[in-house]
Amino acid sequence: MKTVLLDSHVLVAALSSSHGASYALLQAVASARLRMVASPALWLEYESVLKRDAIRALHGFSAEQLDAFLSALAVWVEPVSLHYIWRPQLRDPGDEMVLEAAVNARVHGLVTLNVKDFSMAAPRFGLAVKTPAQALAFLEDAV
């Protein structure tokens, strides 16, 4: 089974539309066709980003609904312990924890809507960076 790390923007996209690749990836996680990992720091970012007022206006979920979603997601997400931290690697310090979790988990793909932000550092670690659509195609090719 393939293992991925989804950045917070992918979760926002998945909750905002049930017609895109981000949503399909979450469905694959929920149906155990895809393993998803996250570090504790990334999990806290998921919660923080999804509950921002501007983001809630995009997806339309209440705080209670988001808590229920995150509780369900927690069942499927495998935690990643950070044994090695390589900073700085990226221009945006906020993305460092995403890269570190992906590298430590040895994922098949770091799935992001910001591929460019990771494109310079990811090859140093043998890490594949994919858009949600690329990750979905990758998953379908593996089946």
Protein backbone atom coordinates (compact mmCIF):
# COMPACT_ATOMS: atom_id res chain seq x y z
CA MET A 1 0.00 0.00 0.00
CA LYS A 2 1.26 3.48 -0.85
CA THR A 3 1.95 5.98 1.91
CA VAL A 4 1.43 9.71 1.55
CA LEU A 5 1.57 12.85 3.58
CA LEU A 6 -1.09 15.43 2.71
CA ASP A 7 -0.34 19.04 3.46
CA SER A 8 -3.04 21.16 5.07
CA HIS A 9 -4.04 22.84 1.80
CA VAL A 10 -4.96 19.44 0.37
CA LEU A 11 -7.32 18.87 3.30
CA VAL A 12 -8.85 22.31 2.74
CA ALA A 13 -9.42 21.45 -0.92
CA ALA A 14 -10.90 18.05 -0.01
CA LEU A 15 -13.40 19.59 2.40
CA SER A 16 -14.24 22.40 -0.01
CA SER A 17 -15.23 20.18 -2.94
CA SER A 18 -16.26 16.56 -3.30
CA HIS A 19 -15.35 16.59 -6.98
CA GLY A 20 -11.56 16.95 -6.93
CA ALA A 21 -8.50 14.78 -6.55
CA SER A 22 -7.96 15.96 -2.96
CA TYR A 23 -11.36 14.58 -1.96
CA ALA A 24 -10.68 11.34 -3.84
CA LEU A 25 -7.42 10.92 -1.92
CA LEU A 26 -9.24 11.31 1.40
CA GLN A 27 -11.75 8.71 0.21
CA ALA A 28 -8.84 6.38 -0.56
CA VAL A 29 -7.49 6.91 2.96
CA ALA A 30 -10.92 6.25 4.49
CA SER A 31 -11.30 3.04 2.47
CA ALA A 32 -7.79 1.82 3.41
CA ARG A 33 -6.47 1.96 -0.15
CA LEU A 34 -3.92 4.58 0.85
CA ARG A 35 -1.93 5.12 4.04
CA MET A 36 -1.71 8.68 5.35
CA VAL A 37 0.84 9.88 7.89
CA ALA A 38 1.29 13.06 9.92
CA SER A 39 3.51 14.30 12.70
CA PRO A 40 2.02 15.84 15.85
CA ALA A 41 3.08 19.31 14.66
CA LEU A 42 1.44 18.77 11.28
CA TRP A 43 -1.72 17.49 12.96
CA LEU A 44 -1.93 20.70 14.99
CA GLU A 45 -1.54 22.66 11.76
CA TYR A 46 -4.40 20.69 10.17
CA GLU A 47 -6.63 21.66 13.07
CA SER A 48 -5.52 25.30 13.10
CA VAL A 49 -5.84 25.82 9.35
CA LEU A 50 -9.18 24.04 8.98
CA LYS A 51 -10.69 26.11 11.80
CA ARG A 52 -9.60 29.53 10.53
CA ASP A 53 -12.60 31.74 9.80
CA ALA A 54 -11.49 32.41 6.21
CA ILE A 55 -11.00 28.69 5.57
CA ARG A 56 -14.30 27.78 7.25
CA ALA A 57 -15.99 30.18 4.84
CA LEU A 58 -14.55 28.08 1.99
CA HIS A 59 -15.61 24.64 3.19
CA GLY A 60 -18.66 25.63 5.25
CA PHE A 61 -18.11 23.24 8.15
CA SER A 62 -18.81 24.28 11.74
CA ALA A 63 -16.21 23.89 14.48
CA GLU A 64 -18.14 20.88 15.77
CA GLN A 65 -18.23 19.26 12.34
CA LEU A 66 -14.50 19.85 11.96
CA ASP A 67 -13.88 18.22 15.33
CA ALA A 68 -15.86 15.19 14.17
CA PHE A 69 -13.94 15.10 10.87
CA LEU A 70 -10.59 15.35 12.65
CA SER A 71 -11.61 12.61 15.10
CA ALA A 72 -12.47 10.32 12.20
CA LEU A 73 -9.29 11.25 10.34
CA ALA A 74 -7.22 10.50 13.45
CA VAL A 75 -8.33 6.87 13.21
CA TRP A 76 -6.82 6.56 9.73
CA VAL A 77 -3.69 8.68 10.05
CA GLU A 78 -0.51 7.00 11.23
CA PRO A 79 1.66 9.15 13.49
CA VAL A 80 5.21 9.99 12.47
CA SER A 81 7.98 10.45 15.00
CA LEU A 82 10.68 12.86 13.97
CA HIS A 83 14.07 11.23 14.45
CA TYR A 84 15.95 13.63 12.21
CA ILE A 85 15.37 17.31 11.68
CA TRP A 86 17.08 19.06 8.79
CA ARG A 87 16.53 22.78 8.99
CA PRO A 88 16.61 24.97 7.05
CA GLN A 89 15.81 23.35 3.72
CA LEU A 90 12.94 25.47 2.40
CA ARG A 91 12.22 29.13 1.80
CA ASP A 92 9.08 29.01 3.94
CA PRO A 93 9.92 27.99 7.52
CA GLY A 94 6.29 26.90 7.96
CA ASP A 95 6.81 24.13 5.39
CA GLU A 96 9.80 22.62 7.19
CA MET A 97 7.63 20.43 9.43
CA VAL A 98 5.85 19.04 6.36
CA LEU A 99 9.14 18.09 4.72
CA GLU A 100 10.52 16.60 7.95
CA ALA A 101 7.45 14.44 8.52
CA ALA A 102 7.49 13.19 4.92
CA VAL A 103 11.19 12.33 5.06
CA ASN A 104 10.98 10.62 8.45
CA ALA A 105 7.96 8.57 7.34
CA ARG A 106 9.64 7.62 4.05
CA VAL A 107 6.42 8.35 2.18
CA HIS A 108 5.83 7.47 -1.45
CA GLY A 109 4.60 11.00 -1.98
CA LEU A 110 4.32 14.36 -0.28
CA VAL A 111 1.03 15.64 -1.65
CA THR A 112 0.72 19.40 -1.87
CA LEU A 113 -0.80 22.17 -3.91
CA ASN A 114 2.54 23.99 -3.59
CA VAL A 115 4.88 21.64 -5.47
CA LYS A 116 7.25 24.48 -6.31
CA ASP A 117 7.89 25.19 -2.61
CA PHE A 118 9.32 21.69 -2.11
CA SER A 119 10.90 21.09 -5.53
CA MET A 120 14.46 22.08 -4.59
CA ALA A 121 14.75 20.23 -1.27
CA ALA A 122 12.75 17.06 -1.92
CA PRO A 123 15.22 15.42 -4.35
CA ARG A 124 17.97 15.67 -1.71
CA PHE A 125 15.97 13.18 0.32
CA GLY A 126 14.66 11.02 -2.53
CA LEU A 127 11.19 12.39 -1.87
CA ALA A 128 8.50 12.54 -4.56
CA VAL A 129 6.38 15.68 -4.41
CA LYS A 130 3.00 15.39 -6.12
CA THR A 131 -0.12 17.39 -6.71
CA PRO A 132 -3.34 15.69 -5.59
CA ALA A 133 -4.09 14.75 -9.22
CA GLN A 134 -0.62 13.22 -9.66
CA ALA A 135 -0.97 11.30 -6.39
CA LEU A 136 -4.37 9.99 -7.44
CA ALA A 137 -2.96 8.80 -10.78
CA PHE A 138 -0.04 7.23 -8.90
CA LEU A 139 -2.50 5.42 -6.62
CA GLU A 140 -4.60 4.19 -9.54
CA ASP A 141 -1.49 2.92 -11.35
CA ALA A 142 -0.51 0.95 -8.24
CA VAL A 143 -3.84 -0.89 -8.03
